[in-house]
């Protein structure tokens, strides 16, 4: 039980701290795409950790596979709630003009 609480606390901190920093450092339009990318990266890290740490299939506690699925689900929700032009803004250079934009 204590192991599950420790994992929940660790992954909560790994999600909350970058999200709070993103809210203060990024423009409001690109927070959701950045949060989505962060969650997909955390899901990938959880999958890698789950593959390295072998837990029995009949585990009753929360496992790393549960975290990977949760991060992926929330990342997909953040990507759906964000608009495509916000994701394009996040993925392009923010200082320069975009190709095809009219002055």
PDB file of N, CA and C in Angstrom:
ATOM      1  N   UNK A   1       0.823  -1.199   0.000  1.00  0.00           N
ATOM      2  CA  UNK A   1       0.000   0.000   0.000  1.00  0.00           C
ATOM      3  C   UNK A   1       0.863   1.258   0.000  1.00  0.00           C
ATOM      4  N   UNK A   2       1.912   1.259   0.816  1.00  0.00           N
ATOM      5  CA  UNK A   2       2.795   2.428   0.897  1.00  0.00           C
ATOM      6  C   UNK A   2       3.516   2.653  -0.419  1.00  0.00           C
ATOM      7  N   UNK A   3       3.791   1.557  -1.146  1.00  0.00           N
ATOM      8  CA  UNK A   3       4.451   1.675  -2.442  1.00  0.00           C
ATOM      9  C   UNK A   3       3.559   2.408  -3.442  1.00  0.00           C
ATOM     10  N   UNK A   4       2.269   2.112  -3.425  1.00  0.00           N
ATOM     11  CA  UNK A   4       1.313   2.769  -4.321  1.00  0.00           C
ATOM     12  C   UNK A   4       1.170   4.248  -4.013  1.00  0.00           C
ATOM     13  N   UNK A   5       1.153   4.583  -2.724  1.00  0.00           N
ATOM     14  CA  UNK A   5       1.054   5.994  -2.330  1.00  0.00           C
ATOM     15  C   UNK A   5       2.299   6.754  -2.746  1.00  0.00           C
ATOM     16  N   UNK A   6       3.453   6.118  -2.617  1.00  0.00           N
ATOM     17  CA  UNK A   6       4.705   6.765  -3.030  1.00  0.00           C
ATOM     18  C   UNK A   6       4.714   7.015  -4.532  1.00  0.00           C
ATOM     19  N   UNK A   7       4.212   6.060  -5.322  1.00  0.00           N
ATOM     20  CA  UNK A   7       4.167   6.246  -6.771  1.00  0.00           C
ATOM     21  C   UNK A   7       3.188   7.348  -7.158  1.00  0.00           C
ATOM     22  N   UNK A   8       2.041   7.385  -6.517  1.00  0.00           N
ATOM     23  CA  UNK A   8       1.060   8.436  -6.810  1.00  0.00           C
ATOM     24  C   UNK A   8       1.651   9.807  -6.486  1.00  0.00           C
ATOM     25  N   UNK A   9       2.325   9.912  -5.356  1.00  0.00           N
ATOM     26  CA  UNK A   9       2.935  11.185  -4.969  1.00  0.00           C
ATOM     27  C   UNK A   9       4.017  11.595  -5.953  1.00  0.00           C
ATOM     28  N   UNK A  10       4.875  10.663  -6.342  1.00  0.00           N
ATOM     29  CA  UNK A  10       5.955  10.966  -7.270  1.00  0.00           C
ATOM     30  C   UNK A  10       5.415  11.441  -8.613  1.00  0.00           C
ATOM     31  N   UNK A  11       4.482  10.706  -9.185  1.00  0.00           N
ATOM     32  CA  UNK A  11       3.963  11.087 -10.490  1.00  0.00           C
ATOM     33  C   UNK A  11       3.079  12.334 -10.423  1.00  0.00           C
ATOM     34  N   UNK A  12       2.456  12.584  -9.291  1.00  0.00           N
ATOM     35  CA  UNK A  12       1.694  13.822  -9.128  1.00  0.00           C
ATOM     36  C   UNK A  12       2.631  15.025  -9.145  1.00  0.00           C
ATOM     37  N   UNK A  13       3.742  14.900  -8.453  1.00  0.00           N
ATOM     38  CA  UNK A  13       4.725  15.991  -8.458  1.00  0.00           C
ATOM     39  C   UNK A  13       5.345  16.173  -9.839  1.00  0.00           C
ATOM     40  N   UNK A  14       5.622  15.059 -10.524  1.00  0.00           N
ATOM     41  CA  UNK A  14       6.197  15.154 -11.858  1.00  0.00           C
ATOM     42  C   UNK A  14       5.233  15.775 -12.857  1.00  0.00           C
ATOM     43  N   UNK A  15       3.959  15.711 -12.588  1.00  0.00           N
ATOM     44  CA  UNK A  15       2.972  16.318 -13.472  1.00  0.00           C
ATOM     45  C   UNK A  15       2.639  17.744 -13.053  1.00  0.00           C
ATOM     46  N   UNK A  16       2.470  17.961 -11.771  1.00  0.00           N
ATOM     47  CA  UNK A  16       2.014  19.270 -11.288  1.00  0.00           C
ATOM     48  C   UNK A  16       3.080  20.354 -11.400  1.00  0.00           C
ATOM     49  N   UNK A  17       4.306  20.049 -11.053  1.00  0.00           N
ATOM     50  CA  UNK A  17       5.348  21.085 -11.085  1.00  0.00           C
ATOM     51  C   UNK A  17       5.588  21.638 -12.492  1.00  0.00           C
ATOM     52  N   UNK A  18       5.794  20.792 -13.513  1.00  0.00           N
ATOM     53  CA  UNK A  18       5.949  21.358 -14.858  1.00  0.00           C
ATOM     54  C   UNK A  18       4.690  22.066 -15.359  1.00  0.00           C
ATOM     55  N   UNK A  19       3.517  21.588 -14.963  1.00  0.00           N
ATOM     56  CA  UNK A  19       2.276  22.238 -15.401  1.00  0.00           C
ATOM     57  C   UNK A  19       2.164  23.641 -14.808  1.00  0.00           C
ATOM     58  N   UNK A  20       2.512  23.795 -13.547  1.00  0.00           N
ATOM     59  CA  UNK A  20       2.462  25.119 -12.915  1.00  0.00           C
ATOM     60  C   UNK A  20       3.499  26.041 -13.549  1.00  0.00           C
ATOM     61  N   UNK A  21       4.688  25.515 -13.816  1.00  0.00           N
ATOM     62  CA  UNK A  21       5.711  26.328 -14.477  1.00  0.00           C
ATOM     63  C   UNK A  21       5.264  26.731 -15.884  1.00  0.00           C
ATOM     64  N   UNK A  22       4.604  25.810 -16.597  1.00  0.00           N
ATOM     65  CA  UNK A  22       4.129  26.119 -17.947  1.00  0.00           C
ATOM     66  C   UNK A  22       3.075  27.222 -17.918  1.00  0.00           C
ATOM     67  N   UNK A  23       2.224  27.210 -16.908  1.00  0.00           N
ATOM     68  CA  UNK A  23       1.198  28.245 -16.808  1.00  0.00           C
ATOM     69  C   UNK A  23       1.808  29.631 -16.636  1.00  0.00           C
ATOM     70  N   UNK A  24       2.916  29.708 -15.926  1.00  0.00           N
ATOM     71  CA  UNK A  24       3.543  31.001 -15.663  1.00  0.00           C
ATOM     72  C   UNK A  24       4.534  31.420 -16.748  1.00  0.00           C
ATOM     73  N   UNK A  25       5.106  30.467 -17.483  1.00  0.00           N
ATOM     74  CA  UNK A  25       6.164  30.791 -18.432  1.00  0.00           C
ATOM     75  C   UNK A  25       5.695  30.844 -19.880  1.00  0.00           C
ATOM     76  N   UNK A  26       4.659  30.109 -20.223  1.00  0.00           N
ATOM     77  CA  UNK A  26       4.207  30.040 -21.612  1.00  0.00           C
ATOM     78  C   UNK A  26       3.002  30.940 -21.843  1.00  0.00           C
ATOM     79  N   UNK A  27       2.782  31.236 -23.108  1.00  0.00           N
ATOM     80  CA  UNK A  27       1.589  31.990 -23.478  1.00  0.00           C
ATOM     81  C   UNK A  27       0.366  31.111 -23.240  1.00  0.00           C
ATOM     82  N   UNK A  28      -0.760  31.717 -22.889  1.00  0.00           N
ATOM     83  CA  UNK A  28      -1.957  30.907 -22.583  1.00  0.00           C
ATOM     84  C   UNK A  28      -2.418  30.014 -23.734  1.00  0.00           C
ATOM     85  N   UNK A  29      -2.139  30.422 -24.976  1.00  0.00           N
ATOM     86  CA  UNK A  29      -2.610  29.636 -26.118  1.00  0.00           C
ATOM     87  C   UNK A  29      -1.875  28.310 -26.257  1.00  0.00           C
ATOM     88  N   UNK A  30      -0.658  28.209 -25.754  1.00  0.00           N
ATOM     89  CA  UNK A  30       0.123  26.988 -25.979  1.00  0.00           C
ATOM     90  C   UNK A  30       0.286  26.128 -24.720  1.00  0.00           C
ATOM     91  N   UNK A  31      -0.441  26.452 -23.662  1.00  0.00           N
ATOM     92  CA  UNK A  31      -0.328  25.665 -22.429  1.00  0.00           C
ATOM     93  C   UNK A  31      -0.887  24.252 -22.628  1.00  0.00           C
ATOM     94  N   UNK A  32      -2.047  24.113 -23.252  1.00  0.00           N
ATOM     95  CA  UNK A  32      -2.629  22.774 -23.450  1.00  0.00           C
ATOM     96  C   UNK A  32      -1.777  21.883 -24.348  1.00  0.00           C
ATOM     97  N   UNK A  33      -1.266  22.377 -25.488  1.00  0.00           N
ATOM     98  CA  UNK A  33      -0.381  21.510 -26.277  1.00  0.00           C
ATOM     99  C   UNK A  33       0.895  21.131 -25.522  1.00  0.00           C
ATOM    100  N   UNK A  34       1.456  22.060 -24.769  1.00  0.00           N
ATOM    101  CA  UNK A  34       2.661  21.749 -23.997  1.00  0.00           C
ATOM    102  C   UNK A  34       2.352  20.726 -22.911  1.00  0.00           C
ATOM    103  N   UNK A  35       1.213  20.857 -22.253  1.00  0.00           N
ATOM    104  CA  UNK A  35       0.807  19.914 -21.217  1.00  0.00           C
ATOM    105  C   UNK A  35       0.553  18.538 -21.818  1.00  0.00           C
ATOM    106  N   UNK A  36      -0.021  18.495 -23.010  1.00  0.00           N
ATOM    107  CA  UNK A  36      -0.268  17.231 -23.688  1.00  0.00           C
ATOM    108  C   UNK A  36       1.051  16.526 -24.004  1.00  0.00           C
ATOM    109  N   UNK A  37       2.011  17.265 -24.529  1.00  0.00           N
ATOM    110  CA  UNK A  37       3.322  16.684 -24.840  1.00  0.00           C
ATOM    111  C   UNK A  37       3.994  16.183 -23.566  1.00  0.00           C
ATOM    112  N   UNK A  38       3.909  16.956 -22.489  1.00  0.00           N
ATOM    113  CA  UNK A  38       4.482  16.551 -21.207  1.00  0.00           C
ATOM    114  C   UNK A  38       3.873  15.241 -20.720  1.00  0.00           C
ATOM    115  N   UNK A  39       2.572  15.102 -20.835  1.00  0.00           N
ATOM    116  CA  UNK A  39       1.908  13.880 -20.377  1.00  0.00           C
ATOM    117  C   UNK A  39       2.263  12.672 -21.234  1.00  0.00           C
ATOM    118  N   UNK A  40       2.427  12.873 -22.539  1.00  0.00           N
ATOM    119  CA  UNK A  40       2.835  11.761 -23.393  1.00  0.00           C
ATOM    120  C   UNK A  40       4.258  11.321 -23.062  1.00  0.00           C
ATOM    121  N   UNK A  41       5.129  12.267 -22.748  1.00  0.00           N
ATOM    122  CA  UNK A  41       6.498  11.929 -22.342  1.00  0.00           C
ATOM    123  C   UNK A  41       6.479  11.172 -21.022  1.00  0.00           C
ATOM    124  N   UNK A  42       5.670  11.624 -20.070  1.00  0.00           N
ATOM    125  CA  UNK A  42       5.564  10.917 -18.796  1.00  0.00           C
ATOM    126  C   UNK A  42       4.975   9.522 -18.980  1.00  0.00           C
ATOM    127  N   UNK A  43       4.033   9.370 -19.890  1.00  0.00           N
ATOM    128  CA  UNK A  43       3.479   8.044 -20.162  1.00  0.00           C
ATOM    129  C   UNK A  43       4.553   7.127 -20.726  1.00  0.00           C
ATOM    130  N   UNK A  44       5.387   7.646 -21.617  1.00  0.00           N
ATOM    131  CA  UNK A  44       6.471   6.842 -22.175  1.00  0.00           C
ATOM    132  C   UNK A  44       7.472   6.451 -21.094  1.00  0.00           C
ATOM    133  N   UNK A  45       7.788   7.370 -20.195  1.00  0.00           N
ATOM    134  CA  UNK A  45       8.701   7.052 -19.096  1.00  0.00           C
ATOM    135  C   UNK A  45       8.096   6.003 -18.161  1.00  0.00           C
ATOM    136  N   UNK A  46       6.793   6.099 -17.915  1.00  0.00           N
ATOM    137  CA  UNK A  46       6.132   5.103 -17.068  1.00  0.00           C
ATOM    138  C   UNK A  46       6.136   3.726 -17.722  1.00  0.00           C
ATOM    139  N   UNK A  47       5.972   3.675 -19.043  1.00  0.00           N
ATOM    140  CA  UNK A  47       6.015   2.392 -19.756  1.00  0.00           C
ATOM    141  C   UNK A  47       7.419   1.796 -19.682  1.00  0.00           C
ATOM    142  N   UNK A  48       8.433   2.624 -19.877  1.00  0.00           N
ATOM    143  CA  UNK A  48       9.809   2.133 -19.791  1.00  0.00           C
ATOM    144  C   UNK A  48      10.097   1.599 -18.389  1.00  0.00           C
ATOM    145  N   UNK A  49       9.674   2.352 -17.374  1.00  0.00           N
ATOM    146  CA  UNK A  49       9.880   1.899 -15.994  1.00  0.00           C
ATOM    147  C   UNK A  49       9.105   0.620 -15.713  1.00  0.00           C
ATOM    148  N   UNK A  50       7.905   0.498 -16.246  1.00  0.00           N
ATOM    149  CA  UNK A  50       7.098  -0.705 -16.029  1.00  0.00           C
ATOM    150  C   UNK A  50       7.736  -1.917 -16.693  1.00  0.00           C
ATOM    151  N   UNK A  51       8.350  -1.715 -17.846  1.00  0.00           N
ATOM    152  CA  UNK A  51       9.026  -2.823 -18.522  1.00  0.00           C
ATOM    153  C   UNK A  51      10.267  -3.265 -17.763  1.00  0.00           C
ATOM    154  N   UNK A  52      10.954  -2.306 -17.134  1.00  0.00           N
ATOM    155  CA  UNK A  52      12.174  -2.633 -16.392  1.00  0.00           C
ATOM    156  C   UNK A  52      11.877  -3.259 -15.035  1.00  0.00           C
ATOM    157  N   UNK A  53      10.790  -2.826 -14.396  1.00  0.00           N
ATOM    158  CA  UNK A  53      10.400  -3.356 -13.094  1.00  0.00           C
ATOM    159  C   UNK A  53       9.305  -4.388 -13.328  1.00  0.00           C
ATOM    160  N   UNK A  54       9.618  -5.624 -13.099  1.00  0.00           N
ATOM    161  CA  UNK A  54       8.637  -6.688 -13.343  1.00  0.00           C
ATOM    162  C   UNK A  54       7.757  -6.860 -12.114  1.00  0.00           C
ATOM    163  N   UNK A  55       6.465  -6.606 -12.301  1.00  0.00           N
ATOM    164  CA  UNK A  55       5.479  -6.765 -11.239  1.00  0.00           C
ATOM    165  C   UNK A  55       4.556  -7.915 -11.639  1.00  0.00           C
ATOM    166  N   UNK A  56       4.168  -8.757 -10.694  1.00  0.00           N
ATOM    167  CA  UNK A  56       3.269  -9.875 -11.043  1.00  0.00           C
ATOM    168  C   UNK A  56       1.974  -9.379 -11.687  1.00  0.00           C
ATOM    169  N   UNK A  57       1.428 -10.205 -12.561  1.00  0.00           N
ATOM    170  CA  UNK A  57       0.201  -9.838 -13.268  1.00  0.00           C
ATOM    171  C   UNK A  57      -1.005  -9.702 -12.351  1.00  0.00           C
ATOM    172  N   UNK A  58      -0.977 -10.315 -11.188  1.00  0.00           N
ATOM    173  CA  UNK A  58      -2.121 -10.258 -10.292  1.00  0.00           C
ATOM    174  C   UNK A  58      -1.930  -9.202  -9.197  1.00  0.00           C
ATOM    175  N   UNK A  59      -1.177  -8.150  -9.495  1.00  0.00           N
ATOM    176  CA  UNK A  59      -0.947  -7.098  -8.498  1.00  0.00           C
ATOM    177  C   UNK A  59      -2.256  -6.370  -8.199  1.00  0.00           C
ATOM    178  N   UNK A  60      -2.519  -6.145  -6.931  1.00  0.00           N
ATOM    179  CA  UNK A  60      -3.753  -5.480  -6.529  1.00  0.00           C
ATOM    180  C   UNK A  60      -3.570  -3.979  -6.368  1.00  0.00           C
ATOM    181  N   UNK A  61      -2.334  -3.519  -6.220  1.00  0.00           N
ATOM    182  CA  UNK A  61      -2.070  -2.094  -6.051  1.00  0.00           C
ATOM    183  C   UNK A  61      -1.981  -1.397  -7.399  1.00  0.00           C
ATOM    184  N   UNK A  62      -1.821  -0.119  -7.347  1.00  0.00           N
ATOM    185  CA  UNK A  62      -1.630   0.671  -8.558  1.00  0.00           C
ATOM    186  C   UNK A  62      -0.256   0.340  -9.134  1.00  0.00           C
ATOM    187  N   UNK A  63      -0.200   0.097 -10.433  1.00  0.00           N
ATOM    188  CA  UNK A  63       1.070  -0.224 -11.077  1.00  0.00           C
ATOM    189  C   UNK A  63       1.478   0.906 -12.005  1.00  0.00           C
ATOM    190  N   UNK A  64       2.678   0.799 -12.526  1.00  0.00           N
ATOM    191  CA  UNK A  64       3.154   1.800 -13.476  1.00  0.00           C
ATOM    192  C   UNK A  64       2.356   1.770 -14.775  1.00  0.00           C
ATOM    193  N   UNK A  65       1.807   0.615 -15.106  1.00  0.00           N
ATOM    194  CA  UNK A  65       0.962   0.527 -16.301  1.00  0.00           C
ATOM    195  C   UNK A  65      -0.305   1.368 -16.127  1.00  0.00           C
ATOM    196  N   UNK A  66      -0.820   1.438 -14.913  1.00  0.00           N
ATOM    197  CA  UNK A  66      -1.985   2.277 -14.641  1.00  0.00           C
ATOM    198  C   UNK A  66      -1.640   3.753 -14.859  1.00  0.00           C
ATOM    199  N   UNK A  67      -0.459   4.149 -14.402  1.00  0.00           N
ATOM    200  CA  UNK A  67      -0.026   5.532 -14.596  1.00  0.00           C
ATOM    201  C   UNK A  67       0.174   5.851 -16.071  1.00  0.00           C
ATOM    202  N   UNK A  68       0.763   4.916 -16.806  1.00  0.00           N
ATOM    203  CA  UNK A  68       0.967   5.137 -18.235  1.00  0.00           C
ATOM    204  C   UNK A  68      -0.371   5.339 -18.952  1.00  0.00           C
ATOM    205  N   UNK A  69      -1.351   4.522 -18.611  1.00  0.00           N
ATOM    206  CA  UNK A  69      -2.675   4.687 -19.211  1.00  0.00           C
ATOM    207  C   UNK A  69      -3.339   5.990 -18.809  1.00  0.00           C
ATOM    208  N   UNK A  70      -3.201   6.368 -17.547  1.00  0.00           N
ATOM    209  CA  UNK A  70      -3.781   7.636 -17.080  1.00  0.00           C
ATOM    210  C   UNK A  70      -3.139   8.842 -17.745  1.00  0.00           C
ATOM    211  N   UNK A  71      -1.813   8.829 -17.854  1.00  0.00           N
ATOM    212  CA  UNK A  71      -1.119   9.936 -18.509  1.00  0.00           C
ATOM    213  C   UNK A  71      -1.518  10.037 -19.978  1.00  0.00           C
ATOM    214  N   UNK A  72      -1.651   8.886 -20.640  1.00  0.00           N
ATOM    215  CA  UNK A  72      -2.044   8.901 -22.045  1.00  0.00           C
ATOM    216  C   UNK A  72      -3.463   9.436 -22.207  1.00  0.00           C
ATOM    217  N   UNK A  73      -4.370   9.002 -21.355  1.00  0.00           N
ATOM    218  CA  UNK A  73      -5.757   9.466 -21.421  1.00  0.00           C
ATOM    219  C   UNK A  73      -5.843  10.975 -21.198  1.00  0.00           C
ATOM    220  N   UNK A  74      -5.169  11.477 -20.188  1.00  0.00           N
ATOM    221  CA  UNK A  74      -5.221  12.912 -19.907  1.00  0.00           C
ATOM    222  C   UNK A  74      -4.501  13.698 -20.996  1.00  0.00           C
ATOM    223  N   UNK A  75      -3.408  13.147 -21.533  1.00  0.00           N
ATOM    224  CA  UNK A  75      -2.712  13.807 -22.640  1.00  0.00           C
ATOM    225  C   UNK A  75      -3.583  13.911 -23.880  1.00  0.00           C
ATOM    226  N   UNK A  76      -4.337  12.849 -24.162  1.00  0.00           N
ATOM    227  CA  UNK A  76      -5.271  12.894 -25.306  1.00  0.00           C
ATOM    228  C   UNK A  76      -6.371  13.926 -25.065  1.00  0.00           C
ATOM    229  N   UNK A  77      -6.858  14.002 -23.845  1.00  0.00           N
ATOM    230  CA  UNK A  77      -7.897  14.989 -23.530  1.00  0.00           C
ATOM    231  C   UNK A  77      -7.357  16.406 -23.682  1.00  0.00           C
ATOM    232  N   UNK A  78      -6.136  16.658 -23.245  1.00  0.00           N
ATOM    233  CA  UNK A  78      -5.547  17.988 -23.400  1.00  0.00           C
ATOM    234  C   UNK A  78      -5.336  18.313 -24.869  1.00  0.00           C
ATOM    235  N   UNK A  79      -4.953  17.312 -25.665  1.00  0.00           N
ATOM    236  CA  UNK A  79      -4.765  17.546 -27.097  1.00  0.00           C
ATOM    237  C   UNK A  79      -6.094  17.834 -27.793  1.00  0.00           C
ATOM    238  N   UNK A  80      -7.161  17.162 -27.378  1.00  0.00           N
ATOM    239  CA  UNK A  80      -8.473  17.375 -27.988  1.00  0.00           C
ATOM    240  C   UNK A  80      -9.021  18.747 -27.609  1.00  0.00           C
ATOM    241  N   UNK A  81      -8.825  19.159 -26.362  1.00  0.00           N
ATOM    242  CA  UNK A  81      -9.350  20.444 -25.924  1.00  0.00           C
ATOM    243  C   UNK A  81      -8.601  21.628 -26.536  1.00  0.00           C
ATOM    244  N   UNK A  82      -7.338  21.421 -26.871  1.00  0.00           N
ATOM    245  CA  UNK A  82      -6.578  22.481 -27.528  1.00  0.00           C
ATOM    246  C   UNK A  82      -6.954  22.560 -28.999  1.00  0.00           C
ATOM    247  N   UNK A  83      -6.769  23.723 -29.588  1.00  0.00           N
ATOM    248  CA  UNK A  83      -7.083  23.901 -30.998  1.00  0.00           C
ATOM    249  C   UNK A  83      -5.850  23.606 -31.845  1.00  0.00           C
ATOM    250  N   UNK A  84      -6.031  23.180 -33.102  1.00  0.00           N
ATOM    251  CA  UNK A  84      -4.883  22.829 -33.944  1.00  0.00           C
ATOM    252  C   UNK A  84      -3.905  23.981 -34.154  1.00  0.00           C
ATOM    253  N   UNK A  85      -4.402  25.199 -34.260  1.00  0.00           N
ATOM    254  CA  UNK A  85      -3.477  26.312 -34.465  1.00  0.00           C
ATOM    255  C   UNK A  85      -2.625  26.567 -33.224  1.00  0.00           C
ATOM    256  N   UNK A  86      -3.136  26.190 -32.046  1.00  0.00           N
ATOM    257  CA  UNK A  86      -2.333  26.310 -30.828  1.00  0.00           C
ATOM    258  C   UNK A  86      -1.191  25.307 -30.842  1.00  0.00           C
ATOM    259  N   UNK A  87      -1.461  24.097 -31.304  1.00  0.00           N
ATOM    260  CA  UNK A  87      -0.399  23.096 -31.396  1.00  0.00           C
ATOM    261  C   UNK A  87       0.633  23.508 -32.431  1.00  0.00           C
ATOM    262  N   UNK A  88       0.181  24.083 -33.548  1.00  0.00           N
ATOM    263  CA  UNK A  88       1.126  24.556 -34.557  1.00  0.00           C
ATOM    264  C   UNK A  88       1.977  25.684 -34.000  1.00  0.00           C
ATOM    265  N   UNK A  89       1.382  26.559 -33.209  1.00  0.00           N
ATOM    266  CA  UNK A  89       2.138  27.645 -32.580  1.00  0.00           C
ATOM    267  C   UNK A  89       3.172  27.086 -31.617  1.00  0.00           C
ATOM    268  N   UNK A  90       2.821  26.028 -30.902  1.00  0.00           N
ATOM    269  CA  UNK A  90       3.756  25.414 -29.958  1.00  0.00           C
ATOM    270  C   UNK A  90       4.919  24.756 -30.686  1.00  0.00           C
ATOM    271  N   UNK A  91       4.650  24.154 -31.835  1.00  0.00           N
ATOM    272  CA  UNK A  91       5.679  23.405 -32.545  1.00  0.00           C
ATOM    273  C   UNK A  91       6.537  24.263 -33.465  1.00  0.00           C
ATOM    274  N   UNK A  92       6.133  25.481 -33.771  1.00  0.00           N
ATOM    275  CA  UNK A  92       6.927  26.363 -34.627  1.00  0.00           C
ATOM    276  C   UNK A  92       7.717  27.334 -33.780  1.00  0.00           C
ATOM    277  N   UNK A  93       8.589  28.058 -34.432  1.00  0.00           N
ATOM    278  CA  UNK A  93       9.338  29.090 -33.719  1.00  0.00           C
ATOM    279  C   UNK A  93       8.375  30.190 -33.319  1.00  0.00           C
ATOM    280  N   UNK A  94       8.483  30.637 -32.093  1.00  0.00           N
ATOM    281  CA  UNK A  94       7.529  31.611 -31.603  1.00  0.00           C
ATOM    282  C   UNK A  94       7.919  33.037 -31.962  1.00  0.00           C
ATOM    283  N   UNK A  95       9.184  33.289 -32.223  1.00  0.00           N
ATOM    284  CA  UNK A  95       9.616  34.655 -32.477  1.00  0.00           C
ATOM    285  C   UNK A  95       9.454  35.089 -33.922  1.00  0.00           C
ATOM    286  N   UNK A  96       9.635  34.173 -34.861  1.00  0.00           N
ATOM    287  CA  UNK A  96       9.620  34.527 -36.269  1.00  0.00           C
ATOM    288  C   UNK A  96       8.259  34.357 -36.901  1.00  0.00           C
ATOM    289  N   UNK A  97       8.077  34.953 -38.091  1.00  0.00           N
ATOM    290  CA  UNK A  97       6.796  34.782 -38.788  1.00  0.00           C
ATOM    291  C   UNK A  97       6.679  33.368 -39.354  1.00  0.00           C
ATOM    292  N   UNK A  98       5.465  32.871 -39.394  1.00  0.00           N
ATOM    293  CA  UNK A  98       5.216  31.548 -39.943  1.00  0.00           C
ATOM    294  C   UNK A  98       5.136  31.627 -41.461  1.00  0.00           C
ATOM    295  N   UNK A  99       5.467  30.539 -42.094  1.00  0.00           N
ATOM    296  CA  UNK A  99       5.399  30.481 -43.561  1.00  0.00           C
ATOM    297  C   UNK A  99       3.941  30.621 -43.999  1.00  0.00           C
ATOM    298  N   UNK A 100       3.716  31.443 -45.002  1.00  0.00           N
ATOM    299  CA  UNK A 100       2.379  31.606 -45.529  1.00  0.00           C
ATOM    300  C   UNK A 100       1.523  32.587 -44.778  1.00  0.00           C
ATOM    301  N   UNK A 101       2.059  33.271 -43.772  1.00  0.00           N
ATOM    302  CA  UNK A 101       1.238  34.233 -43.016  1.00  0.00           C
ATOM    303  C   UNK A 101       1.256  35.575 -43.716  1.00  0.00           C
ATOM    304  N   UNK A 102       0.147  36.248 -43.698  1.00  0.00           N
ATOM    305  CA  UNK A 102      -0.001  37.554 -44.309  1.00  0.00           C
ATOM    306  C   UNK A 102       0.227  38.655 -43.289  1.00  0.00           C
ATOM    307  N   UNK A 103       0.949  39.731 -43.640  1.00  0.00           N
ATOM    308  CA  UNK A 103       1.148  40.833 -42.671  1.00  0.00           C
ATOM    309  C   UNK A 103      -0.093  41.638 -42.441  1.00  0.00           C
TER     310      UNK A 103
END
